[in-house]
Amino acid sequence: MIDADDVRRIALSLPETAEKEAWSMPTFRVAGRMYLTVPDDETSIAVRCPRYEREELIAAEPEKFWVPPHEAGSAWVRVRLAALEDLDELRDVLVDSWRQAAPDRLREAHPGLVPGAGAGTAGTGAGAVS
């Protein structure tokens, strides 16, 4: 089962990611911009997601994606860890959020670091985490 340790391991493998506590929970930032939080109960994560895409995600997989009422106006979505298929899907979610927060120089330096690129090469610009 996927847990907060898996989230932390994959997040910290992404280029220039740093963990910082905020609001009494772990948050992860790329070049100082937050792209991931792990709320207290550690059963879900919050990631960046454009609002126009978020509604489609929630409609397609409501058991996996949701937004608490207090985050309805934000460009974030929650992801239930237990609903993810595997670590590759977790990696894809984290990479997508990382790319939304990362500055152009990092996205350009790591063109292969995209959702669906496979496992085993995160941080090299060619893919993911095994």
Protein backbone atom coordinates (compact mmCIF):
# COMPACT_ATOMS: atom_id res chain seq x y z
CA MET A 1 0.00 0.00 0.00
CA ILE A 2 1.24 3.47 -0.89
CA ASP A 3 2.04 5.64 2.12
CA ALA A 4 3.55 8.97 3.09
CA ASP A 5 7.06 7.50 3.02
CA ASP A 6 6.60 6.65 -0.66
CA VAL A 7 5.36 10.19 -1.30
CA ARG A 8 8.37 11.68 0.47
CA ARG A 9 10.88 9.41 -1.30
CA ILE A 10 9.55 10.20 -4.78
CA ALA A 11 9.07 13.92 -4.11
CA LEU A 12 12.60 14.35 -2.77
CA SER A 13 14.01 12.57 -5.82
CA LEU A 14 12.68 15.31 -8.11
CA PRO A 15 15.15 18.07 -9.04
CA GLU A 16 15.60 20.89 -6.54
CA THR A 17 12.83 19.63 -4.26
CA ALA A 18 13.02 20.54 -0.60
CA GLU A 19 10.78 19.50 2.27
CA LYS A 20 9.55 22.23 4.58
CA GLU A 21 7.01 22.08 7.39
CA ALA A 22 4.11 24.51 7.02
CA TRP A 23 0.71 24.49 8.71
CA SER A 24 2.06 21.65 10.92
CA MET A 25 2.44 19.32 7.93
CA PRO A 26 5.15 18.39 5.44
CA THR A 27 5.17 20.42 2.25
CA PHE A 28 7.43 19.98 -0.76
CA ARG A 29 8.74 22.80 -2.89
CA VAL A 30 10.68 23.16 -6.11
CA ALA A 31 12.81 26.28 -6.33
CA GLY A 32 10.80 27.64 -3.39
CA ARG A 33 7.34 27.03 -4.94
CA MET A 34 5.09 24.56 -3.17
CA TYR A 35 3.74 21.66 -5.24
CA LEU A 36 2.77 19.05 -2.65
CA THR A 37 1.42 18.81 0.88
CA VAL A 38 0.85 15.77 3.07
CA PRO A 39 -2.02 16.51 5.48
CA ASP A 40 -1.93 15.24 9.06
CA ASP A 41 -3.68 11.90 8.59
CA GLU A 42 -1.31 10.97 5.73
CA THR A 43 -4.09 9.16 3.81
CA SER A 44 -4.14 11.75 1.05
CA ILE A 45 -1.93 14.36 -0.56
CA ALA A 46 -2.68 17.75 -2.08
CA VAL A 47 -1.10 18.61 -5.44
CA ARG A 48 -1.33 21.43 -7.94
CA CYS A 49 -4.05 21.03 -10.54
CA PRO A 50 -5.58 23.67 -12.81
CA ARG A 51 -9.22 24.15 -11.83
CA TYR A 52 -10.48 23.41 -15.35
CA GLU A 53 -8.77 19.99 -15.22
CA ARG A 54 -9.68 19.33 -11.62
CA GLU A 55 -13.41 19.03 -12.24
CA GLU A 56 -12.78 16.47 -14.99
CA LEU A 57 -10.52 14.43 -12.71
CA ILE A 58 -13.04 14.41 -9.89
CA ALA A 59 -15.91 13.49 -12.22
CA ALA A 60 -13.92 10.64 -13.78
CA GLU A 61 -12.49 9.20 -10.55
CA PRO A 62 -14.27 10.57 -7.47
CA GLU A 63 -12.90 7.74 -5.32
CA LYS A 64 -9.39 9.00 -6.08
CA PHE A 65 -9.65 12.79 -6.43
CA TRP A 66 -11.53 15.31 -4.30
CA VAL A 67 -11.44 18.88 -3.02
CA PRO A 68 -12.38 19.87 0.51
CA PRO A 69 -14.73 22.85 0.68
CA HIS A 70 -12.05 25.19 2.07
CA GLU A 71 -9.85 24.51 -1.01
CA ALA A 72 -12.60 24.92 -3.64
CA GLY A 73 -11.21 28.22 -4.90
CA SER A 74 -7.63 26.99 -5.20
CA ALA A 75 -5.78 25.31 -8.03
CA TRP A 76 -5.13 22.19 -5.92
CA VAL A 77 -6.70 18.75 -5.73
CA ARG A 78 -6.50 16.04 -3.08
CA VAL A 79 -5.48 12.50 -4.01
CA ARG A 80 -6.40 9.49 -1.85
CA LEU A 81 -3.26 7.38 -1.58
CA ALA A 82 -5.19 4.11 -1.15
CA ALA A 83 -6.97 4.72 -4.48
CA LEU A 84 -3.78 5.01 -6.52
CA GLU A 85 -3.00 1.97 -8.66
CA ASP A 86 0.73 1.82 -7.96
CA LEU A 87 3.90 3.82 -7.38
CA ASP A 88 4.10 4.74 -11.06
CA GLU A 89 0.73 6.48 -10.81
CA LEU A 90 1.89 8.29 -7.66
CA ARG A 91 5.04 9.35 -9.47
CA ASP A 92 3.00 10.66 -12.41
CA VAL A 93 0.80 12.74 -10.08
CA LEU A 94 3.84 14.18 -8.30
CA VAL A 95 5.75 14.90 -11.50
CA ASP A 96 2.74 16.68 -12.99
CA SER A 97 2.44 18.89 -9.92
CA TRP A 98 6.24 19.46 -9.85
CA ARG A 99 6.16 20.60 -13.51
CA GLN A 100 3.41 23.12 -12.72
CA ALA A 101 5.51 24.70 -9.96
CA ALA A 102 9.00 24.34 -11.45
CA PRO A 103 10.58 27.32 -13.15
CA ASP A 104 11.18 27.17 -16.90
CA ARG A 105 14.91 26.55 -16.42
CA LEU A 106 14.21 23.30 -14.54
CA ARG A 107 11.54 22.06 -16.94
CA GLU A 108 13.91 22.79 -19.82
CA ALA A 109 16.81 21.07 -18.04
CA HIS A 110 14.67 17.94 -17.45
CA PRO A 111 12.55 17.53 -20.61
CA GLY A 112 12.11 13.79 -20.02
CA LEU A 113 10.75 14.30 -16.54
CA VAL A 114 7.08 14.04 -17.47
CA PRO A 115 4.14 11.93 -16.31
CA GLY A 116 4.19 8.51 -17.94
CA ALA A 117 7.92 8.54 -18.68
CA GLY A 118 8.50 5.32 -16.76
CA ALA A 119 10.42 4.42 -13.66
CA GLY A 120 13.99 4.48 -12.52
CA THR A 121 15.50 7.76 -13.67
CA ALA A 122 14.03 10.70 -11.75
CA GLY A 123 16.47 13.48 -11.22
CA THR A 124 18.32 12.65 -14.42
CA GLY A 125 15.88 14.45 -16.64
CA ALA A 126 14.68 11.24 -18.23
CA GLY A 127 11.95 9.88 -16.04
CA ALA A 128 10.91 8.61 -12.71
CA VAL A 129 11.66 6.79 -9.52
CA SER A 130 11.77 3.04 -9.21
